[in-house]
PDB file of N, CA and C in Angstrom:
ATOM      1  N   UNK A   1       0.838  -1.165   0.000  1.00  0.00           N
ATOM      2  CA  UNK A   1       0.000   0.000   0.000  1.00  0.00           C
ATOM      3  C   UNK A   1       0.888   1.235   0.000  1.00  0.00           C
ATOM      4  N   UNK A   2       0.621   2.171  -0.854  1.00  0.00           N
ATOM      5  CA  UNK A   2       1.373   3.415  -0.925  1.00  0.00           C
ATOM      6  C   UNK A   2       0.594   4.484  -0.177  1.00  0.00           C
ATOM      7  N   UNK A   3       1.160   4.996   0.909  1.00  0.00           N
ATOM      8  CA  UNK A   3       0.466   6.016   1.707  1.00  0.00           C
ATOM      9  C   UNK A   3       1.084   7.394   1.523  1.00  0.00           C
ATOM     10  N   UNK A   4       1.803   7.598   0.422  1.00  0.00           N
ATOM     11  CA  UNK A   4       2.442   8.884   0.156  1.00  0.00           C
ATOM     12  C   UNK A   4       1.397   9.987   0.031  1.00  0.00           C
ATOM     13  N   UNK A   5       1.715  11.145   0.606  1.00  0.00           N
ATOM     14  CA  UNK A   5       0.869  12.331   0.456  1.00  0.00           C
ATOM     15  C   UNK A   5       1.780  13.548   0.330  1.00  0.00           C
ATOM     16  N   UNK A   6       1.453  14.455  -0.555  1.00  0.00           N
ATOM     17  CA  UNK A   6       2.263  15.649  -0.758  1.00  0.00           C
ATOM     18  C   UNK A   6       2.212  16.583   0.451  1.00  0.00           C
ATOM     19  N   UNK A   7       1.111  16.561   1.183  1.00  0.00           N
ATOM     20  CA  UNK A   7       0.952  17.377   2.380  1.00  0.00           C
ATOM     21  C   UNK A   7       0.740  16.469   3.581  1.00  0.00           C
ATOM     22  N   UNK A   8       1.110  16.951   4.748  1.00  0.00           N
ATOM     23  CA  UNK A   8       0.908  16.199   5.979  1.00  0.00           C
ATOM     24  C   UNK A   8      -0.582  16.072   6.267  1.00  0.00           C
ATOM     25  N   UNK A   9      -1.003  14.872   6.583  1.00  0.00           N
ATOM     26  CA  UNK A   9      -2.403  14.619   6.929  1.00  0.00           C
ATOM     27  C   UNK A   9      -2.428  13.941   8.292  1.00  0.00           C
ATOM     28  N   UNK A  10      -3.075  14.559   9.244  1.00  0.00           N
ATOM     29  CA  UNK A  10      -3.114  14.033  10.600  1.00  0.00           C
ATOM     30  C   UNK A  10      -4.326  13.143  10.814  1.00  0.00           C
ATOM     31  N   UNK A  11      -4.182  12.193  11.735  1.00  0.00           N
ATOM     32  CA  UNK A  11      -5.267  11.313  12.177  1.00  0.00           C
ATOM     33  C   UNK A  11      -5.918  10.577  11.018  1.00  0.00           C
ATOM     34  N   UNK A  12      -5.103  10.009  10.164  1.00  0.00           N
ATOM     35  CA  UNK A  12      -5.613   9.236   9.043  1.00  0.00           C
ATOM     36  C   UNK A  12      -5.529   7.750   9.363  1.00  0.00           C
ATOM     37  N   UNK A  13      -6.627   7.045   9.214  1.00  0.00           N
ATOM     38  CA  UNK A  13      -6.630   5.597   9.386  1.00  0.00           C
ATOM     39  C   UNK A  13      -6.170   4.995   8.063  1.00  0.00           C
ATOM     40  N   UNK A  14      -5.082   4.241   8.086  1.00  0.00           N
ATOM     41  CA  UNK A  14      -4.572   3.657   6.846  1.00  0.00           C
ATOM     42  C   UNK A  14      -4.801   2.155   6.763  1.00  0.00           C
ATOM     43  N   UNK A  15      -5.196   1.536   7.874  1.00  0.00           N
ATOM     44  CA  UNK A  15      -5.488   0.107   7.839  1.00  0.00           C
ATOM     45  C   UNK A  15      -6.433  -0.230   8.982  1.00  0.00           C
ATOM     46  N   UNK A  16      -7.413  -1.053   8.705  1.00  0.00           N
ATOM     47  CA  UNK A  16      -8.308  -1.534   9.749  1.00  0.00           C
ATOM     48  C   UNK A  16      -8.644  -2.989   9.454  1.00  0.00           C
ATOM     49  N   UNK A  17      -8.819  -3.743  10.498  1.00  0.00           N
ATOM     50  CA  UNK A  17      -9.140  -5.166  10.327  1.00  0.00           C
ATOM     51  C   UNK A  17     -10.052  -5.595  11.460  1.00  0.00           C
ATOM     52  N   UNK A  18     -11.127  -6.269  11.133  1.00  0.00           N
ATOM     53  CA  UNK A  18     -12.030  -6.801  12.142  1.00  0.00           C
ATOM     54  C   UNK A  18     -11.719  -8.278  12.332  1.00  0.00           C
ATOM     55  N   UNK A  19     -11.396  -8.650  13.567  1.00  0.00           N
ATOM     56  CA  UNK A  19     -11.105 -10.038  13.879  1.00  0.00           C
ATOM     57  C   UNK A  19     -12.352 -10.685  14.456  1.00  0.00           C
ATOM     58  N   UNK A  20     -12.434 -11.968  14.387  1.00  0.00           N
ATOM     59  CA  UNK A  20     -13.592 -12.686  14.913  1.00  0.00           C
ATOM     60  C   UNK A  20     -13.645 -12.632  16.433  1.00  0.00           C
ATOM     61  N   UNK A  21     -14.582 -13.347  16.989  1.00  0.00           N
ATOM     62  CA  UNK A  21     -14.742 -13.353  18.443  1.00  0.00           C
ATOM     63  C   UNK A  21     -13.769 -14.295  19.131  1.00  0.00           C
ATOM     64  N   UNK A  22     -13.088 -15.148  18.382  1.00  0.00           N
ATOM     65  CA  UNK A  22     -12.131 -16.088  18.963  1.00  0.00           C
ATOM     66  C   UNK A  22     -10.709 -15.620  18.676  1.00  0.00           C
ATOM     67  N   UNK A  23     -10.370 -14.475  19.206  1.00  0.00           N
ATOM     68  CA  UNK A  23      -9.049 -13.891  18.977  1.00  0.00           C
ATOM     69  C   UNK A  23      -8.033 -14.586  19.863  1.00  0.00           C
ATOM     70  N   UNK A  24      -6.936 -15.009  19.264  1.00  0.00           N
ATOM     71  CA  UNK A  24      -5.845 -15.607  20.034  1.00  0.00           C
ATOM     72  C   UNK A  24      -4.658 -14.657  19.982  1.00  0.00           C
ATOM     73  N   UNK A  25      -3.653 -14.948  19.193  1.00  0.00           N
ATOM     74  CA  UNK A  25      -2.482 -14.071  19.075  1.00  0.00           C
ATOM     75  C   UNK A  25      -2.328 -13.641  17.619  1.00  0.00           C
ATOM     76  N   UNK A  26      -1.964 -12.390  17.414  1.00  0.00           N
ATOM     77  CA  UNK A  26      -1.738 -11.856  16.079  1.00  0.00           C
ATOM     78  C   UNK A  26      -0.478 -11.007  16.089  1.00  0.00           C
ATOM     79  N   UNK A  27       0.124 -10.834  14.919  1.00  0.00           N
ATOM     80  CA  UNK A  27       1.310 -10.007  14.783  1.00  0.00           C
ATOM     81  C   UNK A  27       1.041  -8.931  13.744  1.00  0.00           C
ATOM     82  N   UNK A  28       1.626  -7.761  13.964  1.00  0.00           N
ATOM     83  CA  UNK A  28       1.537  -6.654  13.020  1.00  0.00           C
ATOM     84  C   UNK A  28       2.953  -6.267  12.638  1.00  0.00           C
ATOM     85  N   UNK A  29       3.209  -6.111  11.338  1.00  0.00           N
ATOM     86  CA  UNK A  29       4.526  -5.708  10.869  1.00  0.00           C
ATOM     87  C   UNK A  29       4.391  -4.419  10.067  1.00  0.00           C
ATOM     88  N   UNK A  30       5.305  -3.497  10.297  1.00  0.00           N
ATOM     89  CA  UNK A  30       5.376  -2.257   9.525  1.00  0.00           C
ATOM     90  C   UNK A  30       6.704  -2.288   8.794  1.00  0.00           C
ATOM     91  N   UNK A  31       6.675  -2.224   7.467  1.00  0.00           N
ATOM     92  CA  UNK A  31       7.893  -2.332   6.671  1.00  0.00           C
ATOM     93  C   UNK A  31       8.032  -1.161   5.715  1.00  0.00           C
ATOM     94  N   UNK A  32       9.264  -0.688   5.558  1.00  0.00           N
ATOM     95  CA  UNK A  32       9.597   0.272   4.508  1.00  0.00           C
ATOM     96  C   UNK A  32      10.152  -0.562   3.365  1.00  0.00           C
ATOM     97  N   UNK A  33       9.494  -0.549   2.242  1.00  0.00           N
ATOM     98  CA  UNK A  33       9.882  -1.399   1.123  1.00  0.00           C
ATOM     99  C   UNK A  33      11.166  -0.931   0.474  1.00  0.00           C
ATOM    100  N   UNK A  34      11.991  -1.875   0.062  1.00  0.00           N
ATOM    101  CA  UNK A  34      13.215  -1.520  -0.655  1.00  0.00           C
ATOM    102  C   UNK A  34      12.821  -0.894  -1.983  1.00  0.00           C
ATOM    103  N   UNK A  35      13.662  -0.014  -2.477  1.00  0.00           N
ATOM    104  CA  UNK A  35      13.351   0.678  -3.715  1.00  0.00           C
ATOM    105  C   UNK A  35      12.696   2.025  -3.484  1.00  0.00           C
ATOM    106  N   UNK A  36      12.364   2.333  -2.225  1.00  0.00           N
ATOM    107  CA  UNK A  36      11.815   3.656  -1.927  1.00  0.00           C
ATOM    108  C   UNK A  36      12.902   4.692  -2.125  1.00  0.00           C
ATOM    109  N   UNK A  37      12.531   5.869  -2.558  1.00  0.00           N
ATOM    110  CA  UNK A  37      13.515   6.934  -2.711  1.00  0.00           C
ATOM    111  C   UNK A  37      13.933   7.431  -1.335  1.00  0.00           C
ATOM    112  N   UNK A  38      15.089   8.059  -1.235  1.00  0.00           N
ATOM    113  CA  UNK A  38      15.558   8.531   0.067  1.00  0.00           C
ATOM    114  C   UNK A  38      14.609   9.556   0.669  1.00  0.00           C
ATOM    115  N   UNK A  39      13.919  10.326  -0.156  1.00  0.00           N
ATOM    116  CA  UNK A  39      12.975  11.320   0.346  1.00  0.00           C
ATOM    117  C   UNK A  39      11.715  10.668   0.907  1.00  0.00           C
ATOM    118  N   UNK A  40      11.462   9.418   0.543  1.00  0.00           N
ATOM    119  CA  UNK A  40      10.239   8.731   0.983  1.00  0.00           C
ATOM    120  C   UNK A  40      10.547   7.498   1.812  1.00  0.00           C
ATOM    121  N   UNK A  41      11.699   7.456   2.450  1.00  0.00           N
ATOM    122  CA  UNK A  41      12.075   6.239   3.158  1.00  0.00           C
ATOM    123  C   UNK A  41      11.835   6.309   4.658  1.00  0.00           C
ATOM    124  N   UNK A  42      11.192   7.360   5.150  1.00  0.00           N
ATOM    125  CA  UNK A  42      10.910   7.485   6.575  1.00  0.00           C
ATOM    126  C   UNK A  42       9.441   7.172   6.839  1.00  0.00           C
ATOM    127  N   UNK A  43       9.221   6.333   7.828  1.00  0.00           N
ATOM    128  CA  UNK A  43       7.855   5.994   8.231  1.00  0.00           C
ATOM    129  C   UNK A  43       7.712   6.315   9.700  1.00  0.00           C
ATOM    130  N   UNK A  44       6.660   7.021  10.065  1.00  0.00           N
ATOM    131  CA  UNK A  44       6.380   7.328  11.459  1.00  0.00           C
ATOM    132  C   UNK A  44       5.069   6.658  11.832  1.00  0.00           C
ATOM    133  N   UNK A  45       5.127   5.828  12.852  1.00  0.00           N
ATOM    134  CA  UNK A  45       3.934   5.166  13.348  1.00  0.00           C
ATOM    135  C   UNK A  45       3.510   5.896  14.610  1.00  0.00           C
ATOM    136  N   UNK A  46       2.340   6.483  14.580  1.00  0.00           N
ATOM    137  CA  UNK A  46       1.872   7.295  15.692  1.00  0.00           C
ATOM    138  C   UNK A  46       1.124   6.481  16.735  1.00  0.00           C
ATOM    139  N   UNK A  47       0.329   5.522  16.308  1.00  0.00           N
ATOM    140  CA  UNK A  47      -0.482   4.785  17.268  1.00  0.00           C
ATOM    141  C   UNK A  47      -0.965   3.479  16.684  1.00  0.00           C
ATOM    142  N   UNK A  48      -1.206   2.546  17.567  1.00  0.00           N
ATOM    143  CA  UNK A  48      -1.865   1.286  17.255  1.00  0.00           C
ATOM    144  C   UNK A  48      -2.981   1.119  18.273  1.00  0.00           C
ATOM    145  N   UNK A  49      -4.180   0.863  17.801  1.00  0.00           N
ATOM    146  CA  UNK A  49      -5.298   0.689  18.725  1.00  0.00           C
ATOM    147  C   UNK A  49      -5.878  -0.710  18.555  1.00  0.00           C
ATOM    148  N   UNK A  50      -5.958  -1.425  19.649  1.00  0.00           N
ATOM    149  CA  UNK A  50      -6.544  -2.760  19.657  1.00  0.00           C
ATOM    150  C   UNK A  50      -7.733  -2.709  20.613  1.00  0.00           C
ATOM    151  N   UNK A  51      -8.896  -3.098  20.106  1.00  0.00           N
ATOM    152  CA  UNK A  51     -10.094  -3.113  20.943  1.00  0.00           C
ATOM    153  C   UNK A  51     -10.703  -4.510  20.905  1.00  0.00           C
ATOM    154  N   UNK A  52     -11.440  -4.838  21.924  1.00  0.00           N
ATOM    155  CA  UNK A  52     -12.131  -6.128  21.968  1.00  0.00           C
ATOM    156  C   UNK A  52     -13.614  -5.915  22.023  1.00  0.00           C
TER     157      UNK A  52
END
């Protein structure tokens, strides 16, 4: 997924997933893909919210 934006956008949800009622263990990975330009190689993760 390409989340590039020319201007800063605050409080944007870029991914959401609904899990079933039988939640066990899950993993989340955030990756900067190789081949990104140096100007676009920084990723800032502001928050992760998990609700039940």
